[in-house]
PDB file of N, CA and C in Angstrom:
ATOM      1  N   MET A   1       0.798  -1.176  -0.067  1.00  0.00           N
ATOM      2  CA  MET A   1       0.024   0.053  -0.028  1.00  0.00           C
ATOM      3  C   MET A   1       0.842   1.240   0.012  1.00  0.00           C
ATOM      4  N   LYS A   2       1.658   1.508  -1.113  1.00  0.00           N
ATOM      5  CA  LYS A   2       2.463   2.559  -1.162  1.00  0.00           C
ATOM      6  C   LYS A   2       1.820   3.656  -1.911  1.00  0.00           C
ATOM      7  N   ALA A   3       1.988   4.989  -1.516  1.00  0.00           N
ATOM      8  CA  ALA A   3       1.418   6.115  -2.217  1.00  0.00           C
ATOM      9  C   ALA A   3       2.062   6.264  -3.486  1.00  0.00           C
ATOM     10  N   ALA A   4       1.206   6.539  -4.469  1.00  0.00           N
ATOM     11  CA  ALA A   4       1.733   6.746  -5.910  1.00  0.00           C
ATOM     12  C   ALA A   4       2.768   7.915  -5.851  1.00  0.00           C
ATOM     13  N   GLU A   5       3.705   7.818  -6.767  1.00  0.00           N
ATOM     14  CA  GLU A   5       4.785   8.967  -6.730  1.00  0.00           C
ATOM     15  C   GLU A   5       4.331  10.370  -6.665  1.00  0.00           C
ATOM     16  N   ASN A   6       3.226  10.448  -7.417  1.00  0.00           N
ATOM     17  CA  ASN A   6       2.674  11.997  -7.593  1.00  0.00           C
ATOM     18  C   ASN A   6       1.741  12.332  -6.440  1.00  0.00           C
ATOM     19  N   GLU A   7       1.572  11.369  -5.522  1.00  0.00           N
ATOM     20  CA  GLU A   7       0.671  11.659  -4.384  1.00  0.00           C
ATOM     21  C   GLU A   7       1.539  12.019  -3.175  1.00  0.00           C
ATOM     22  N   SER A   8       1.088  13.075  -2.419  1.00  0.00           N
ATOM     23  CA  SER A   8       1.773  13.512  -1.301  1.00  0.00           C
ATOM     24  C   SER A   8       1.203  12.817  -0.033  1.00  0.00           C
ATOM     25  N   ASN A   9       2.222  12.524   0.932  1.00  0.00           N
ATOM     26  CA  ASN A   9       1.872  11.913   2.219  1.00  0.00           C
ATOM     27  C   ASN A   9       1.635  13.009   3.187  1.00  0.00           C
ATOM     28  N   VAL A  10       0.556  12.760   4.097  1.00  0.00           N
ATOM     29  CA  VAL A  10       0.267  13.677   5.263  1.00  0.00           C
ATOM     30  C   VAL A  10       0.522  13.097   6.490  1.00  0.00           C
ATOM     31  N   SER A  11       1.171  13.771   7.385  1.00  0.00           N
ATOM     32  CA  SER A  11       1.381  13.292   8.765  1.00  0.00           C
ATOM     33  C   SER A  11       0.232  13.540   9.683  1.00  0.00           C
ATOM     34  N   VAL A  12      -0.178  12.635  10.475  1.00  0.00           N
ATOM     35  CA  VAL A  12      -1.295  12.650  11.358  1.00  0.00           C
ATOM     36  C   VAL A  12      -0.780  12.115  12.727  1.00  0.00           C
ATOM     37  N   THR A  13      -1.074  12.740  13.765  1.00  0.00           N
ATOM     38  CA  THR A  13      -0.773  12.331  15.053  1.00  0.00           C
ATOM     39  C   THR A  13      -1.880  11.476  15.558  1.00  0.00           C
ATOM     40  N   VAL A  14      -1.455  10.343  16.168  1.00  0.00           N
ATOM     41  CA  VAL A  14      -2.501   9.391  16.776  1.00  0.00           C
ATOM     42  C   VAL A  14      -2.114   9.178  18.249  1.00  0.00           C
ATOM     43  N   LYS A  15      -2.996   9.523  19.168  1.00  0.00           N
ATOM     44  CA  LYS A  15      -2.640   9.191  20.564  1.00  0.00           C
ATOM     45  C   LYS A  15      -3.349   7.929  20.995  1.00  0.00           C
ATOM     46  N   LEU A  16      -2.504   6.937  21.369  1.00  0.00           N
ATOM     47  CA  LEU A  16      -2.971   5.692  21.656  1.00  0.00           C
ATOM     48  C   LEU A  16      -2.811   5.451  23.237  1.00  0.00           C
ATOM     49  N   ASP A  17      -3.725   4.699  23.916  1.00  0.00           N
ATOM     50  CA  ASP A  17      -3.423   4.458  25.404  1.00  0.00           C
ATOM     51  C   ASP A  17      -2.187   3.438  25.420  1.00  0.00           C
ATOM     52  N   ALA A  18      -1.470   3.360  26.588  1.00  0.00           N
ATOM     53  CA  ALA A  18      -0.347   2.536  26.694  1.00  0.00           C
ATOM     54  C   ALA A  18      -0.495   1.064  26.299  1.00  0.00           C
ATOM     55  N   ILE A  19      -1.677   0.592  26.641  1.00  0.00           N
ATOM     56  CA  ILE A  19      -1.934  -0.911  26.321  1.00  0.00           C
ATOM     57  C   ILE A  19      -1.847  -1.066  24.773  1.00  0.00           C
ATOM     58  N   ASP A  20      -2.656  -0.208  24.122  1.00  0.00           N
ATOM     59  CA  ASP A  20      -2.878  -0.319  22.597  1.00  0.00           C
ATOM     60  C   ASP A  20      -1.462  -0.097  21.947  1.00  0.00           C
ATOM     61  N   SER A  21      -0.696   0.953  22.530  1.00  0.00           N
ATOM     62  CA  SER A  21       0.630   1.328  21.907  1.00  0.00           C
ATOM     63  C   SER A  21       1.516   0.081  22.115  1.00  0.00           C
ATOM     64  N   ASP A  22       1.566  -0.573  23.206  1.00  0.00           N
ATOM     65  CA  ASP A  22       2.429  -1.755  23.400  1.00  0.00           C
ATOM     66  C   ASP A  22       1.937  -2.905  22.541  1.00  0.00           C
ATOM     67  N   ARG A  23       0.677  -3.136  22.439  1.00  0.00           N
ATOM     68  CA  ARG A  23       0.196  -4.169  21.497  1.00  0.00           C
ATOM     69  C   ARG A  23       0.564  -3.947  20.141  1.00  0.00           C
ATOM     70  N   LEU A  24       0.480  -2.689  19.592  1.00  0.00           N
ATOM     71  CA  LEU A  24       0.749  -2.374  18.278  1.00  0.00           C
ATOM     72  C   LEU A  24       2.454  -2.466  18.034  1.00  0.00           C
ATOM     73  N   THR A  25       3.183  -2.071  19.055  1.00  0.00           N
ATOM     74  CA  THR A  25       4.632  -2.278  18.925  1.00  0.00           C
ATOM     75  C   THR A  25       5.104  -3.731  18.859  1.00  0.00           C
ATOM     76  N   ALA A  26       4.368  -4.523  19.674  1.00  0.00           N
ATOM     77  CA  ALA A  26       4.671  -6.036  19.729  1.00  0.00           C
ATOM     78  C   ALA A  26       4.268  -6.633  18.408  1.00  0.00           C
ATOM     79  N   LEU A  27       3.130  -6.259  17.876  1.00  0.00           N
ATOM     80  CA  LEU A  27       2.640  -6.764  16.536  1.00  0.00           C
ATOM     81  C   LEU A  27       3.532  -6.370  15.406  1.00  0.00           C
ATOM     82  N   ALA A  28       3.984  -5.196  15.462  1.00  0.00           N
ATOM     83  CA  ALA A  28       4.932  -4.695  14.319  1.00  0.00           C
ATOM     84  C   ALA A  28       6.256  -5.429  14.496  1.00  0.00           C
ATOM     85  N   ALA A  29       6.780  -5.783  15.596  1.00  0.00           N
ATOM     86  CA  ALA A  29       7.975  -6.576  15.847  1.00  0.00           C
ATOM     87  C   ALA A  29       7.699  -8.022  15.302  1.00  0.00           C
ATOM     88  N   LEU A  30       6.583  -8.599  15.604  1.00  0.00           N
ATOM     89  CA  LEU A  30       6.304  -9.916  15.222  1.00  0.00           C
ATOM     90  C   LEU A  30       6.138 -10.035  13.696  1.00  0.00           C
ATOM     91  N   LYS A  31       5.557  -9.060  13.078  1.00  0.00           N
ATOM     92  CA  LYS A  31       5.442  -8.911  11.604  1.00  0.00           C
ATOM     93  C   LYS A  31       6.754  -8.401  10.910  1.00  0.00           C
ATOM     94  N   ASN A  32       7.610  -7.928  11.680  1.00  0.00           N
ATOM     95  CA  ASN A  32       8.788  -7.359  11.052  1.00  0.00           C
ATOM     96  C   ASN A  32       8.414  -6.137  10.184  1.00  0.00           C
ATOM     97  N   GLN A  33       7.498  -5.294  10.726  1.00  0.00           N
ATOM     98  CA  GLN A  33       7.108  -4.154   9.979  1.00  0.00           C
ATOM     99  C   GLN A  33       7.208  -2.917  10.958  1.00  0.00           C
ATOM    100  N   SER A  34       7.091  -1.744  10.282  1.00  0.00           N
ATOM    101  CA  SER A  34       7.153  -0.564  11.059  1.00  0.00           C
ATOM    102  C   SER A  34       5.746  -0.251  11.474  1.00  0.00           C
ATOM    103  N   LEU A  35       5.702   0.589  12.627  1.00  0.00           N
ATOM    104  CA  LEU A  35       4.471   1.042  13.110  1.00  0.00           C
ATOM    105  C   LEU A  35       3.647   1.863  11.994  1.00  0.00           C
ATOM    106  N   GLN A  36       4.352   2.527  11.196  1.00  0.00           N
ATOM    107  CA  GLN A  36       3.675   3.327  10.189  1.00  0.00           C
ATOM    108  C   GLN A  36       2.912   2.374   9.228  1.00  0.00           C
ATOM    109  N   VAL A  37       3.630   1.243   8.842  1.00  0.00           N
ATOM    110  CA  VAL A  37       2.948   0.292   7.845  1.00  0.00           C
ATOM    111  C   VAL A  37       1.670  -0.161   8.556  1.00  0.00           C
ATOM    112  N   LEU A  38       1.838  -0.696   9.760  1.00  0.00           N
ATOM    113  CA  LEU A  38       0.652  -1.189  10.427  1.00  0.00           C
ATOM    114  C   LEU A  38      -0.514  -0.160  10.581  1.00  0.00           C
ATOM    115  N   LEU A  39      -0.068   1.024  10.977  1.00  0.00           N
ATOM    116  CA  LEU A  39      -1.146   2.030  11.088  1.00  0.00           C
ATOM    117  C   LEU A  39      -1.808   2.485   9.696  1.00  0.00           C
ATOM    118  N   ASN A  40      -0.947   2.578   8.697  1.00  0.00           N
ATOM    119  CA  ASN A  40      -1.574   2.789   7.435  1.00  0.00           C
ATOM    120  C   ASN A  40      -2.418   1.664   6.920  1.00  0.00           C
ATOM    121  N   GLU A  41      -2.005   0.456   7.097  1.00  0.00           N
ATOM    122  CA  GLU A  41      -3.005  -0.611   6.827  1.00  0.00           C
ATOM    123  C   GLU A  41      -4.293  -0.674   7.579  1.00  0.00           C
ATOM    124  N   ALA A  42      -4.235  -0.317   8.844  1.00  0.00           N
ATOM    125  CA  ALA A  42      -5.351  -0.269   9.698  1.00  0.00           C
ATOM    126  C   ALA A  42      -6.294   0.793   9.322  1.00  0.00           C
ATOM    127  N   VAL A  43      -5.778   1.986   9.058  1.00  0.00           N
ATOM    128  CA  VAL A  43      -6.637   3.112   8.544  1.00  0.00           C
ATOM    129  C   VAL A  43      -7.178   2.766   7.171  1.00  0.00           C
ATOM    130  N   HIS A  44      -6.412   2.220   6.190  1.00  0.00           N
ATOM    131  CA  HIS A  44      -6.870   1.827   4.997  1.00  0.00           C
ATOM    132  C   HIS A  44      -8.071   0.775   5.085  1.00  0.00           C
ATOM    133  N   ASN A  45      -7.990  -0.238   5.943  1.00  0.00           N
ATOM    134  CA  ASN A  45      -9.019  -1.189   6.097  1.00  0.00           C
ATOM    135  C   ASN A  45     -10.195  -0.548   6.792  1.00  0.00           C
ATOM    136  N   TYR A  46      -9.937   0.295   7.685  1.00  0.00           N
ATOM    137  CA  TYR A  46     -11.147   0.893   8.423  1.00  0.00           C
ATOM    138  C   TYR A  46     -11.918   1.865   7.435  1.00  0.00           C
ATOM    139  N   LEU A  47     -11.190   2.553   6.627  1.00  0.00           N
ATOM    140  CA  LEU A  47     -11.972   3.321   5.588  1.00  0.00           C
ATOM    141  C   LEU A  47     -12.738   2.591   4.697  1.00  0.00           C
ATOM    142  N   LEU A  48     -12.055   1.441   4.111  1.00  0.00           N
ATOM    143  CA  LEU A  48     -12.884   0.511   3.247  1.00  0.00           C
ATOM    144  C   LEU A  48     -14.060   0.006   3.839  1.00  0.00           C
ATOM    145  N   LYS A  49     -14.009  -0.467   5.146  1.00  0.00           N
ATOM    146  CA  LYS A  49     -15.127  -1.098   5.808  1.00  0.00           C
ATOM    147  C   LYS A  49     -16.252   0.034   6.007  1.00  0.00           C
ATOM    148  N   GLU A  50     -15.791   1.125   6.515  1.00  0.00           N
ATOM    149  CA  GLU A  50     -16.798   2.150   6.763  1.00  0.00           C
ATOM    150  C   GLU A  50     -17.458   2.813   5.545  1.00  0.00           C
ATOM    151  N   GLU A  51     -16.658   2.976   4.372  1.00  0.00           N
ATOM    152  CA  GLU A  51     -17.191   3.381   3.210  1.00  0.00           C
ATOM    153  C   GLU A  51     -18.290   2.297   2.586  1.00  0.00           C
ATOM    154  N   ALA A  52     -17.959   1.081   2.840  1.00  0.00           N
ATOM    155  CA  ALA A  52     -18.848   0.051   2.361  1.00  0.00           C
ATOM    156  C   ALA A  52     -20.046   0.062   3.191  1.00  0.00           C
ATOM    157  N   ARG A  53     -19.962   0.152   4.548  1.00  0.00           N
ATOM    158  CA  ARG A  53     -21.063   0.296   5.486  1.00  0.00           C
ATOM    159  C   ARG A  53     -22.018   1.546   5.127  1.00  0.00           C
ATOM    160  N   GLN A  54     -21.417   2.597   4.730  1.00  0.00           N
ATOM    161  CA  GLN A  54     -22.122   3.821   4.444  1.00  0.00           C
ATOM    162  C   GLN A  54     -22.714   3.673   3.224  1.00  0.00           C
ATOM    163  N   ALA A  55     -22.230   2.958   2.195  1.00  0.00           N
ATOM    164  CA  ALA A  55     -22.859   2.683   0.895  1.00  0.00           C
ATOM    165  C   ALA A  55     -24.147   1.811   1.135  1.00  0.00           C
ATOM    166  N   PHE A  56     -23.995   0.755   1.998  1.00  0.00           N
ATOM    167  CA  PHE A  56     -25.093  -0.082   2.361  1.00  0.00           C
ATOM    168  C   PHE A  56     -26.151   0.647   2.863  1.00  0.00           C
ATOM    169  N   ILE A  57     -25.815   1.456   3.876  1.00  0.00           N
ATOM    170  CA  ILE A  57     -26.975   2.337   4.563  1.00  0.00           C
ATOM    171  C   ILE A  57     -27.670   3.196   3.493  1.00  0.00           C
ATOM    172  N   ASN A  58     -26.846   3.916   2.589  1.00  0.00           N
ATOM    173  CA  ASN A  58     -27.446   4.763   1.627  1.00  0.00           C
ATOM    174  C   ASN A  58     -28.316   3.874   0.654  1.00  0.00           C
ATOM    175  N   GLU A  59     -27.912   2.690   0.278  1.00  0.00           N
ATOM    176  CA  GLU A  59     -28.684   1.800  -0.617  1.00  0.00           C
ATOM    177  C   GLU A  59     -29.938   1.492   0.212  1.00  0.00           C
ATOM    178  N   ALA A  60     -29.925   1.151   1.397  1.00  0.00           N
ATOM    179  CA  ALA A  60     -31.043   0.741   2.174  1.00  0.00           C
ATOM    180  C   ALA A  60     -32.072   1.994   2.330  1.00  0.00           C
ATOM    181  N   LYS A  61     -31.511   3.120   2.478  1.00  0.00           N
ATOM    182  CA  LYS A  61     -32.475   4.356   2.554  1.00  0.00           C
ATOM    183  C   LYS A  61     -33.147   4.557   1.169  1.00  0.00           C
ATOM    184  N   ALA A  62     -32.362   4.460   0.131  1.00  0.00           N
ATOM    185  CA  ALA A  62     -32.813   4.600  -1.209  1.00  0.00           C
ATOM    186  C   ALA A  62     -33.963   3.526  -1.509  1.00  0.00           C
ATOM    187  N   SER A  63     -33.727   2.345  -1.093  1.00  0.00           N
ATOM    188  CA  SER A  63     -34.761   1.200  -1.372  1.00  0.00           C
ATOM    189  C   SER A  63     -36.036   1.633  -0.605  1.00  0.00           C
ATOM    190  N   TRP A  64     -35.804   2.051   0.701  1.00  0.00           N
ATOM    191  CA  TRP A  64     -36.998   2.296   1.540  1.00  0.00           C
ATOM    192  C   TRP A  64     -37.716   3.513   0.839  1.00  0.00           C
ATOM    193  N   GLU A  65     -37.048   4.496   0.488  1.00  0.00           N
ATOM    194  CA  GLU A  65     -37.745   5.737  -0.234  1.00  0.00           C
ATOM    195  C   GLU A  65     -38.511   5.195  -1.449  1.00  0.00           C
ATOM    196  N   GLY A  66     -37.871   4.381  -2.179  1.00  0.00           N
ATOM    197  CA  GLY A  66     -38.468   3.778  -3.430  1.00  0.00           C
ATOM    198  C   GLY A  66     -39.841   3.073  -3.018  1.00  0.00           C
ATOM    199  N   TYR A  67     -39.743   2.267  -1.973  1.00  0.00           N
ATOM    200  CA  TYR A  67     -40.936   1.517  -1.516  1.00  0.00           C
ATOM    201  C   TYR A  67     -42.018   2.543  -1.080  1.00  0.00           C
ATOM    202  N   VAL A  68     -41.625   3.477  -0.267  1.00  0.00           N
ATOM    203  CA  VAL A  68     -42.536   4.389   0.245  1.00  0.00           C
ATOM    204  C   VAL A  68     -43.250   5.200  -0.965  1.00  0.00           C
ATOM    205  N   GLN A  69     -42.489   5.597  -1.983  1.00  0.00           N
ATOM    206  CA  GLN A  69     -43.105   6.313  -3.061  1.00  0.00           C
ATOM    207  C   GLN A  69     -43.882   5.336  -4.109  1.00  0.00           C
ATOM    208  N   THR A  70     -43.531   4.173  -4.231  1.00  0.00           N
ATOM    209  CA  THR A  70     -44.123   3.243  -5.260  1.00  0.00           C
ATOM    210  C   THR A  70     -44.921   2.088  -4.693  1.00  0.00           C
ATOM    211  N   GLY A  71     -44.589   1.715  -3.529  1.00  0.00           N
ATOM    212  CA  GLY A  71     -45.266   0.575  -3.003  1.00  0.00           C
ATOM    213  C   GLY A  71     -44.812  -0.902  -3.560  1.00  0.00           C
ATOM    214  N   GLN A  72     -43.812  -0.653  -4.515  1.00  0.00           N
ATOM    215  CA  GLN A  72     -43.335  -1.827  -5.216  1.00  0.00           C
ATOM    216  C   GLN A  72     -42.316  -2.596  -4.211  1.00  0.00           C
ATOM    217  N   HIS A  73     -42.443  -3.948  -4.143  1.00  0.00           N
ATOM    218  CA  HIS A  73     -41.708  -4.749  -3.073  1.00  0.00           C
ATOM    219  C   HIS A  73     -41.720  -6.270  -3.598  1.00  0.00           C
ATOM    220  N   ILE A  74     -40.980  -7.028  -2.918  1.00  0.00           N
ATOM    221  CA  ILE A  74     -41.161  -8.448  -2.955  1.00  0.00           C
ATOM    222  C   ILE A  74     -41.337  -8.920  -1.519  1.00  0.00           C
ATOM    223  N   THR A  75     -41.884  -9.979  -1.340  1.00  0.00           N
ATOM    224  CA  THR A  75     -42.088 -10.534   0.041  1.00  0.00           C
ATOM    225  C   THR A  75     -40.931 -11.386   0.516  1.00  0.00           C
ATOM    226  N   LEU A  76     -40.785 -11.553   1.843  1.00  0.00           N
ATOM    227  CA  LEU A  76     -39.785 -12.386   2.338  1.00  0.00           C
ATOM    228  C   LEU A  76     -39.844 -13.819   1.779  1.00  0.00           C
ATOM    229  N   ASN A  77     -40.961 -14.338   1.668  1.00  0.00           N
ATOM    230  CA  ASN A  77     -41.210 -15.720   1.125  1.00  0.00           C
ATOM    231  C   ASN A  77     -40.720 -15.698  -0.327  1.00  0.00           C
ATOM    232  N   GLU A  78     -40.978 -14.724  -1.115  1.00  0.00           N
ATOM    233  CA  GLU A  78     -40.472 -14.595  -2.571  1.00  0.00           C
ATOM    234  C   GLU A  78     -39.075 -14.521  -2.571  1.00  0.00           C
ATOM    235  N   PHE A  79     -38.361 -13.770  -1.634  1.00  0.00           N
ATOM    236  CA  PHE A  79     -37.020 -13.615  -1.671  1.00  0.00           C
ATOM    237  C   PHE A  79     -36.288 -14.930  -1.213  1.00  0.00           C
ATOM    238  N   ASP A  80     -36.775 -15.574  -0.096  1.00  0.00           N
ATOM    239  CA  ASP A  80     -36.377 -16.792   0.239  1.00  0.00           C
ATOM    240  C   ASP A  80     -36.309 -17.906  -0.762  1.00  0.00           C
ATOM    241  N   ALA A  81     -37.447 -17.975  -1.446  1.00  0.00           N
ATOM    242  CA  ALA A  81     -37.711 -19.017  -2.628  1.00  0.00           C
ATOM    243  C   ALA A  81     -36.637 -18.792  -3.649  1.00  0.00           C
ATOM    244  N   TRP A  82     -36.473 -17.437  -4.009  1.00  0.00           N
ATOM    245  CA  TRP A  82     -35.370 -17.055  -5.009  1.00  0.00           C
ATOM    246  C   TRP A  82     -33.954 -17.407  -4.514  1.00  0.00           C
ATOM    247  N   VAL A  83     -33.576 -17.131  -3.291  1.00  0.00           N
ATOM    248  CA  VAL A  83     -32.328 -17.607  -2.765  1.00  0.00           C
ATOM    249  C   VAL A  83     -32.117 -19.102  -2.879  1.00  0.00           C
ATOM    250  N   ASP A  84     -33.264 -19.813  -2.395  1.00  0.00           N
ATOM    251  CA  ASP A  84     -33.037 -21.289  -2.510  1.00  0.00           C
ATOM    252  C   ASP A  84     -32.840 -21.802  -3.886  1.00  0.00           C
ATOM    253  N   SER A  85     -33.572 -21.095  -4.939  1.00  0.00           N
ATOM    254  CA  SER A  85     -33.493 -21.564  -6.304  1.00  0.00           C
ATOM    255  C   SER A  85     -32.065 -21.231  -6.912  1.00  0.00           C
ATOM    256  N   LEU A  86     -31.204 -20.413  -6.247  1.00  0.00           N
ATOM    257  CA  LEU A  86     -29.888 -20.113  -6.817  1.00  0.00           C
ATOM    258  C   LEU A  86     -28.991 -21.289  -6.639  1.00  0.00           C
ATOM    259  N   GLN A  87     -29.327 -22.227  -5.767  1.00  0.00           N
ATOM    260  CA  GLN A  87     -28.508 -23.542  -5.691  1.00  0.00           C
ATOM    261  C   GLN A  87     -28.423 -24.271  -6.873  1.00  0.00           C
ATOM    262  N   THR A  88     -29.619 -24.290  -7.518  1.00  0.00           N
ATOM    263  CA  THR A  88     -29.785 -25.149  -8.740  1.00  0.00           C
ATOM    264  C   THR A  88     -29.916 -24.400 -10.057  1.00  0.00           C
ATOM    265  N   LYS A  89     -30.289 -23.099  -9.894  1.00  0.00           N
ATOM    266  CA  LYS A  89     -30.259 -22.153 -11.094  1.00  0.00           C
ATOM    267  C   LYS A  89     -29.593 -20.914 -10.714  1.00  0.00           C
ATOM    268  N   PRO A  90     -28.208 -20.944 -10.808  1.00  0.00           N
ATOM    269  CA  PRO A  90     -27.557 -19.697 -10.427  1.00  0.00           C
ATOM    270  C   PRO A  90     -27.876 -18.453 -11.228  1.00  0.00           C
ATOM    271  N   ASP A  91     -28.505 -18.612 -12.410  1.00  0.00           N
ATOM    272  CA  ASP A  91     -28.782 -17.377 -13.097  1.00  0.00           C
ATOM    273  C   ASP A  91     -30.266 -17.037 -13.018  1.00  0.00           C
ATOM    274  N   GLN A  92     -30.911 -17.565 -12.042  1.00  0.00           N
ATOM    275  CA  GLN A  92     -32.361 -17.383 -11.788  1.00  0.00           C
ATOM    276  C   GLN A  92     -32.431 -15.786 -11.429  1.00  0.00           C
ATOM    277  N   PRO A  93     -33.324 -14.947 -12.249  1.00  0.00           N
ATOM    278  CA  PRO A  93     -33.545 -13.546 -11.887  1.00  0.00           C
ATOM    279  C   PRO A  93     -34.281 -13.483 -10.624  1.00  0.00           C
ATOM    280  N   MET A  94     -34.104 -12.317 -10.019  1.00  0.00           N
ATOM    281  CA  MET A  94     -34.788 -12.007  -8.774  1.00  0.00           C
ATOM    282  C   MET A  94     -36.349 -11.830  -9.138  1.00  0.00           C
ATOM    283  N   PRO A  95     -37.204 -12.023  -8.248  1.00  0.00           N
ATOM    284  CA  PRO A  95     -38.532 -11.891  -8.316  1.00  0.00           C
ATOM    285  C   PRO A  95     -38.869 -10.411  -8.802  1.00  0.00           C
ATOM    286  N   VAL A  96     -39.800 -10.344  -9.457  1.00  0.00           N
ATOM    287  CA  VAL A  96     -40.352  -8.996  -9.909  1.00  0.00           C
ATOM    288  C   VAL A  96     -41.038  -8.196  -8.823  1.00  0.00           C
ATOM    289  N   CYS A  97     -40.666  -7.018  -8.660  1.00  0.00           N
ATOM    290  CA  CYS A  97     -41.359  -6.275  -7.572  1.00  0.00           C
ATOM    291  C   CYS A  97     -42.843  -6.086  -7.957  1.00  0.00           C
ATOM    292  N   HIS A  98     -43.764  -5.816  -6.972  1.00  0.00           N
ATOM    293  CA  HIS A  98     -45.155  -5.708  -7.208  1.00  0.00           C
ATOM    294  C   HIS A  98     -45.794  -4.995  -5.969  1.00  0.00           C
ATOM    295  N   LYS A  99     -46.966  -4.498  -6.136  1.00  0.00           N
ATOM    296  CA  LYS A  99     -47.664  -3.875  -5.111  1.00  0.00           C
ATOM    297  C   LYS A  99     -48.636  -4.884  -4.372  1.00  0.00           C
ATOM    298  N   SER A 100     -48.851  -4.713  -3.001  1.00  0.00           N
ATOM    299  CA  SER A 100     -49.765  -5.559  -2.465  1.00  0.00           C
ATOM    300  C   SER A 100     -51.093  -5.061  -2.730  1.00  0.00           C
ATOM    301  N   TYR A 101     -52.120  -6.011  -2.844  1.00  0.00           N
ATOM    302  CA  TYR A 101     -53.554  -5.557  -3.205  1.00  0.00           C
ATOM    303  C   TYR A 101     -54.361  -5.898  -2.121  1.00  0.00           C
TER     304      TYR A 101
END
Protein backbone atom coordinates (compact mmCIF):
# COMPACT_ATOMS: atom_id res chain seq x y z
CA MET A 1 0.00 0.00 0.00
CA LYS A 2 2.49 2.61 -1.14
CA ALA A 3 1.42 6.08 -2.18
CA ALA A 4 1.78 6.76 -5.86
CA GLU A 5 4.80 8.88 -6.70
CA ASN A 6 2.67 11.91 -7.58
CA GLU A 7 0.66 11.72 -4.35
CA SER A 8 1.78 13.51 -1.23
CA ASN A 9 1.82 11.93 2.19
CA VAL A 10 0.27 13.71 5.15
CA SER A 11 1.40 13.29 8.74
CA VAL A 12 -1.26 12.67 11.36
CA THR A 13 -0.72 12.31 15.08
CA VAL A 14 -2.53 9.45 16.77
CA LYS A 15 -2.64 9.20 20.56
CA LEU A 16 -3.03 5.64 21.78
CA ASP A 17 -3.35 4.45 25.33
CA ALA A 18 -0.33 2.61 26.68
CA ILE A 19 -1.86 -0.84 26.29
CA ASP A 20 -2.78 -0.37 22.62
CA SER A 21 0.59 1.24 21.93
CA ASP A 22 2.37 -1.76 23.45
CA ARG A 23 0.18 -4.18 21.50
CA LEU A 24 0.88 -2.34 18.24
CA THR A 25 4.62 -2.26 18.92
CA ALA A 26 4.63 -6.00 19.70
CA LEU A 27 2.64 -6.78 16.56
CA ALA A 28 4.97 -4.68 14.42
CA ALA A 29 7.94 -6.58 15.82
CA LEU A 30 6.25 -9.94 15.19
CA LYS A 31 5.48 -9.00 11.60
CA ASN A 32 8.84 -7.30 11.12
CA GLN A 33 7.08 -4.16 9.94
CA SER A 34 7.14 -0.56 11.05
CA LEU A 35 4.42 1.05 13.14
CA GLN A 36 3.71 3.33 10.18
CA VAL A 37 3.00 0.37 7.88
CA LEU A 38 0.63 -1.20 10.42
CA LEU A 39 -1.17 2.08 11.08
CA ASN A 40 -1.50 2.81 7.35
CA GLU A 41 -2.95 -0.67 6.81
CA ALA A 42 -5.33 -0.27 9.74
CA VAL A 43 -6.59 3.11 8.54
CA HIS A 44 -6.94 1.84 4.97
CA ASN A 45 -8.95 -1.21 6.10
CA TYR A 46 -11.10 0.91 8.41
CA LEU A 47 -11.91 3.34 5.60
CA LEU A 48 -12.84 0.52 3.22
CA LYS A 49 -15.12 -1.04 5.84
CA GLU A 50 -16.81 2.21 6.80
CA GLU A 51 -17.25 3.35 3.19
CA ALA A 52 -18.88 -0.01 2.36
CA ARG A 53 -21.07 0.31 5.45
CA GLN A 54 -22.14 3.82 4.46
CA ALA A 55 -22.87 2.68 0.89
CA PHE A 56 -25.06 -0.13 2.32
CA ILE A 57 -26.93 2.35 4.53
CA ASN A 58 -27.43 4.74 1.61
CA GLU A 59 -28.72 1.91 -0.60
CA ALA A 60 -31.10 0.75 2.14
CA LYS A 61 -32.44 4.30 2.56
CA ALA A 62 -32.91 4.63 -1.21
CA SER A 63 -34.72 1.28 -1.29
CA TRP A 64 -37.02 2.35 1.52
CA GLU A 65 -37.74 5.68 -0.18
CA GLY A 66 -38.52 3.80 -3.40
CA TYR A 67 -40.91 1.52 -1.54
CA VAL A 68 -42.62 4.45 0.19
CA GLN A 69 -43.07 6.26 -3.13
CA THR A 70 -44.16 3.30 -5.27
CA GLY A 71 -45.29 0.51 -2.95
CA GLN A 72 -43.27 -1.89 -5.15
CA HIS A 73 -41.70 -4.76 -3.18
CA ILE A 74 -41.12 -8.50 -2.94
CA THR A 75 -42.14 -10.53 0.07
CA LEU A 76 -39.75 -12.37 2.35
CA ASN A 77 -41.18 -15.67 1.12
CA GLU A 78 -40.51 -14.65 -2.50
CA PHE A 79 -36.97 -13.64 -1.58
CA ASP A 80 -36.35 -16.89 0.32
CA ALA A 81 -37.64 -18.97 -2.58
CA TRP A 82 -35.38 -17.06 -4.98
CA VAL A 83 -32.31 -17.55 -2.76
CA ASP A 84 -33.08 -21.27 -2.47
CA SER A 85 -33.44 -21.54 -6.27
CA LEU A 86 -29.94 -20.12 -6.80
CA GLN A 87 -28.43 -23.43 -5.64
CA THR A 88 -29.77 -25.22 -8.71
CA LYS A 89 -30.31 -22.25 -11.05
CA PRO A 90 -27.55 -19.67 -10.37
CA ASP A 91 -28.80 -17.37 -13.15
CA GLN A 92 -32.33 -17.26 -11.81
CA PRO A 93 -33.52 -13.61 -11.92
CA MET A 94 -34.83 -11.97 -8.77
CA PRO A 95 -38.60 -11.91 -8.36
CA VAL A 96 -40.34 -8.97 -10.00
CA CYS A 97 -41.40 -6.23 -7.62
CA HIS A 98 -45.14 -5.73 -7.20
CA LYS A 99 -47.65 -3.87 -5.06
CA SER A 100 -49.79 -5.53 -2.39
CA TYR A 101 -53.46 -5.53 -3.19
